[in-house]
Amino acid sequence: MDLAKKTAEVEKILEAHMGVPKWKKQESALDNLIRTILSQNTNDVNRDKAYSALKARFPTWEQVVEADPRDIAASIKVAGLSQLKSVWIRDILAWIQRTYGRLDLEFICGMNPEEVLSTFCKLKGIGVKTMSVVLMASCGKDIFPVDTHVHRICRRLRLVPANASAEKTFWLMSKLVPKGKAYPFHINLIHFGRTICKAISPKCPVCPLKALCEYYKANRPPTTLSTE
């Protein structure tokens, strides 16, 4: 089975077991960008706590641009790496304001995704994962972000090489994910990674993908032969 067919089969199996998540815009592209930067190297709970604290301290992004990074860092401490993230966030917002004349990113939804990635991934604090999340979640683009769960599962299934980086996985999977399926596949893989294909002690015996999984084939317990 070639990789494109295997990817399509994996996506189909997950939909059969988990349903088909429907995209719905939750927040603006700029708000999502800042939230996603805060999510780096932390969990969703701490990300959201940091975002809420940041907005409570600085109700507008214009205020963040003018703020002392130390004050920003104090607000987002719960998300970790606050000294770095505070500077990244302030500098990114200042760059957007300076470059586009306003603190608004809705216009990227009308741009080619690759152009958006090449433009914004030059900025410190923004990688392909961060920007692809914004394009998918806030713009509804058919783009496939690779977070830690997606990265792990794609490697275990050998949809990508076992040693592929997250960024390499993004570019490889962009050619394999069935057209129109990036959002449901991404969401289902995250849920699957949290519940079945965990980083430690994955639940391989109950996995609906085990017949397609190279990790399972390499790690399954040996079959006990009957002596009768």
Protein backbone atom coordinates (compact mmCIF):
# COMPACT_ATOMS: atom_id res chain seq x y z
CA MET A 1 0.00 0.00 0.00
CA ASP A 2 1.49 3.35 -0.98
CA LEU A 3 1.65 6.14 1.58
CA ALA A 4 -1.19 8.22 0.12
CA LYS A 5 -3.54 5.22 0.19
CA LYS A 6 -2.38 4.27 3.67
CA THR A 7 -2.97 7.82 4.93
CA ALA A 8 -6.46 7.82 3.43
CA GLU A 9 -7.19 4.47 5.08
CA VAL A 10 -6.00 5.73 8.47
CA GLU A 11 -8.16 8.84 8.14
CA LYS A 12 -11.17 6.73 7.15
CA ILE A 13 -10.75 4.34 10.10
CA LEU A 14 -10.49 7.22 12.57
CA GLU A 15 -13.63 8.82 11.17
CA ALA A 16 -15.47 5.51 11.56
CA HIS A 17 -14.44 5.29 15.22
CA MET A 18 -14.51 8.96 16.20
CA GLY A 19 -16.82 10.77 13.83
CA VAL A 20 -16.20 13.72 11.52
CA PRO A 21 -15.38 16.95 13.41
CA LYS A 22 -16.83 20.03 11.73
CA TRP A 23 -14.82 23.23 11.44
CA LYS A 24 -16.21 26.33 13.11
CA LYS A 25 -14.32 29.59 13.56
CA GLN A 26 -13.66 30.09 17.27
CA GLU A 27 -11.61 33.29 17.36
CA SER A 28 -9.82 35.81 15.16
CA ALA A 29 -6.58 34.92 13.43
CA LEU A 30 -4.58 37.35 15.58
CA ASP A 31 -6.07 36.12 18.85
CA ASN A 32 -5.42 32.55 17.76
CA LEU A 33 -1.83 33.38 16.84
CA ILE A 34 -1.07 34.73 20.32
CA ARG A 35 -2.85 31.81 21.99
CA THR A 36 -0.89 29.33 19.87
CA ILE A 37 2.43 30.99 20.70
CA LEU A 38 1.51 30.64 24.37
CA SER A 39 0.78 26.94 23.80
CA GLN A 40 4.37 26.14 22.90
CA ASN A 41 5.91 23.70 25.40
CA THR A 42 2.87 23.65 27.66
CA ASN A 43 -0.61 22.14 27.86
CA ASP A 44 -3.96 23.60 26.85
CA VAL A 45 -4.97 24.41 30.43
CA ASN A 46 -1.89 26.54 31.13
CA ARG A 47 -2.08 28.10 27.67
CA ASP A 48 -5.62 29.30 28.30
CA LYS A 49 -4.80 30.53 31.80
CA ALA A 50 -1.91 32.56 30.39
CA TYR A 51 -4.04 33.97 27.58
CA SER A 52 -6.80 35.03 29.97
CA ALA A 53 -4.28 36.64 32.32
CA LEU A 54 -2.63 38.48 29.43
CA LYS A 55 -5.96 39.87 28.20
CA ALA A 56 -6.97 40.84 31.73
CA ARG A 57 -3.74 42.81 32.16
CA PHE A 58 -3.70 44.22 28.61
CA PRO A 59 -7.23 44.38 27.13
CA THR A 60 -5.98 45.43 23.68
CA TRP A 61 -3.06 44.23 21.58
CA GLU A 62 -2.01 47.86 21.14
CA GLN A 63 -1.34 47.94 24.88
CA VAL A 64 0.87 44.86 24.58
CA VAL A 65 2.95 46.56 21.89
CA GLU A 66 3.66 49.43 24.30
CA ALA A 67 4.19 47.22 27.36
CA ASP A 68 7.41 46.31 29.13
CA PRO A 69 8.23 42.67 28.33
CA ARG A 70 8.70 42.04 32.05
CA ASP A 71 5.06 42.93 32.66
CA ILE A 72 3.96 40.70 29.81
CA ALA A 73 6.12 37.87 31.18
CA ALA A 74 4.55 38.21 34.62
CA SER A 75 1.10 37.83 33.08
CA ILE A 76 1.92 34.68 31.10
CA LYS A 77 4.23 32.97 33.58
CA VAL A 78 1.96 29.93 33.94
CA ALA A 79 2.59 28.98 30.30
CA GLY A 80 6.35 28.66 30.81
CA LEU A 81 9.17 30.25 28.80
CA SER A 82 7.61 33.56 29.74
CA GLN A 83 10.78 35.59 29.24
CA LEU A 84 11.04 34.42 25.64
CA LYS A 85 7.34 34.41 24.82
CA SER A 86 6.82 37.92 26.17
CA VAL A 87 9.42 39.35 23.79
CA TRP A 88 8.19 37.25 20.88
CA ILE A 89 4.59 38.36 21.37
CA ARG A 90 5.41 42.04 21.73
CA ASP A 91 7.79 42.03 18.76
CA ILE A 92 5.40 40.06 16.54
CA LEU A 93 2.53 42.43 17.32
CA ALA A 94 4.77 45.44 16.69
CA TRP A 95 5.87 43.95 13.35
CA ILE A 96 2.27 43.31 12.27
CA GLN A 97 1.28 46.86 13.20
CA ARG A 98 4.30 48.34 11.45
CA THR A 99 4.00 46.18 8.34
CA TYR A 100 0.25 46.18 7.78
CA GLY A 101 -0.82 49.36 9.54
CA ARG A 102 -3.18 47.68 11.98
CA LEU A 103 -3.34 44.86 14.50
CA ASP A 104 -5.54 42.54 12.50
CA LEU A 105 -4.73 39.34 10.61
CA GLU A 106 -8.03 38.41 9.00
CA PHE A 107 -6.55 39.25 5.61
CA ILE A 108 -4.32 36.14 5.74
CA CYS A 109 -7.44 34.02 5.27
CA GLY A 110 -7.54 35.26 1.68
CA MET A 111 -3.87 34.51 1.02
CA ASN A 112 -2.18 31.40 -0.29
CA PRO A 113 -1.17 29.34 2.78
CA GLU A 114 2.39 28.82 1.55
CA GLU A 115 2.79 32.59 1.16
CA VAL A 116 1.54 33.09 4.72
CA LEU A 117 3.97 30.48 6.03
CA SER A 118 6.95 31.93 4.19
CA THR A 119 6.13 35.43 5.46
CA PHE A 120 5.33 34.76 9.10
CA CYS A 121 7.68 31.86 9.84
CA LYS A 122 10.60 34.27 9.48
CA LEU A 123 9.57 35.84 12.79
CA LYS A 124 10.99 34.55 16.07
CA GLY A 125 8.34 32.60 17.94
CA ILE A 126 6.44 31.48 14.84
CA GLY A 127 7.04 28.11 13.19
CA VAL A 128 5.05 26.09 10.69
CA LYS A 129 3.06 24.41 13.45
CA THR A 130 1.97 27.73 14.97
CA MET A 131 1.02 29.35 11.68
CA SER A 132 -0.67 26.26 10.24
CA VAL A 133 -2.85 26.06 13.36
CA VAL A 134 -3.96 29.66 12.77
CA LEU A 135 -4.69 29.00 9.11
CA MET A 136 -6.69 25.88 9.89
CA ALA A 137 -8.53 26.99 13.03
CA SER A 138 -9.24 30.64 12.24
CA CYS A 139 -9.34 30.60 8.44
CA GLY A 140 -10.71 27.14 7.71
CA LYS A 141 -7.83 26.38 5.37
CA ASP A 142 -7.31 22.77 4.29
CA ILE A 143 -3.93 22.60 6.01
CA PHE A 144 -2.64 19.90 8.36
CA PRO A 145 -0.83 21.15 11.48
CA VAL A 146 1.59 18.75 13.15
CA ASP A 147 1.52 18.91 16.94
CA THR A 148 3.20 16.44 19.30
CA HIS A 149 0.39 13.86 19.01
CA VAL A 150 0.15 14.05 15.22
CA HIS A 151 3.94 13.85 14.94
CA ARG A 152 4.13 10.76 17.15
CA ILE A 153 1.33 8.88 15.40
CA CYS A 154 2.52 9.63 11.88
CA ARG A 155 5.96 8.28 12.76
CA ARG A 156 4.61 5.18 14.50
CA LEU A 157 2.46 4.38 11.48
CA ARG A 158 5.47 5.13 9.24
CA LEU A 159 3.48 7.57 7.18
CA VAL A 160 6.74 9.50 7.54
CA PRO A 161 10.21 8.23 8.50
CA ALA A 162 10.64 7.33 12.17
CA ASN A 163 13.27 10.06 12.56
CA ALA A 164 11.36 12.81 10.72
CA SER A 165 11.22 16.15 12.52
CA ALA A 166 7.87 17.81 13.18
CA GLU A 167 8.50 20.32 10.40
CA LYS A 168 9.55 17.60 7.94
CA THR A 169 6.42 15.66 8.92
CA PHE A 170 4.31 18.72 8.13
CA TRP A 171 5.66 19.04 4.61
CA LEU A 172 5.49 15.29 3.91
CA MET A 173 1.95 14.95 5.23
CA SER A 174 0.77 17.97 3.25
CA LYS A 175 1.17 15.77 0.16
CA LEU A 176 -0.54 12.73 1.70
CA VAL A 177 -3.64 13.97 3.56
CA PRO A 178 -6.78 13.52 1.42
CA LYS A 179 -8.11 16.78 0.00
CA GLY A 180 -10.69 18.37 2.30
CA LYS A 181 -9.80 16.13 5.24
CA ALA A 182 -7.05 18.10 7.00
CA TYR A 183 -9.27 19.47 9.78
CA PRO A 184 -11.13 16.28 10.81
CA PHE A 185 -7.97 14.20 10.46
CA HIS A 186 -5.96 16.60 12.62
CA ILE A 187 -8.62 16.79 15.35
CA ASN A 188 -9.17 13.02 15.39
CA LEU A 189 -5.43 12.33 15.59
CA ILE A 190 -5.08 14.64 18.59
CA HIS A 191 -7.92 12.88 20.42
CA PHE A 192 -6.53 9.50 19.37
CA GLY A 193 -3.08 10.47 20.66
CA ARG A 194 -4.49 11.52 24.02
CA THR A 195 -6.61 8.40 24.52
CA ILE A 196 -5.07 5.48 22.61
CA CYS A 197 -1.70 6.19 20.97
CA LYS A 198 -0.14 7.77 24.05
CA ALA A 199 3.54 8.65 24.24
CA ILE A 200 4.00 6.25 27.16
CA SER A 201 2.13 2.94 27.37
CA PRO A 202 0.05 3.23 24.20
CA LYS A 203 -3.07 1.05 24.20
CA CYS A 204 -1.99 -1.03 21.22
CA PRO A 205 -4.24 -4.06 21.91
CA VAL A 206 -7.40 -1.97 21.43
CA CYS A 207 -6.04 0.24 18.64
CA PRO A 208 -8.14 0.20 15.44
CA LEU A 209 -5.01 1.10 13.46
CA LYS A 210 -2.74 -1.71 14.67
CA ALA A 211 -2.97 -3.66 11.41
CA LEU A 212 -1.40 -0.64 9.68
CA CYS A 213 1.07 0.25 12.42
CA GLU A 214 4.79 -0.48 12.16
CA TYR A 215 5.29 0.45 15.81
CA TYR A 216 2.79 -2.22 16.87
CA LYS A 217 4.37 -4.83 14.61
CA ALA A 218 7.78 -4.15 16.14
CA ASN A 219 6.60 -4.06 19.76
CA ARG A 220 3.72 -6.51 20.06
CA PRO A 221 4.24 -9.39 22.50
CA PRO A 222 5.20 -12.74 20.98
CA THR A 223 2.38 -15.16 20.27
CA THR A 224 2.13 -17.98 22.79
CA LEU A 225 1.91 -21.34 21.05
CA SER A 226 -0.46 -23.94 22.41
CA THR A 227 1.17 -27.18 23.69
CA GLU A 228 -2.02 -29.19 23.39
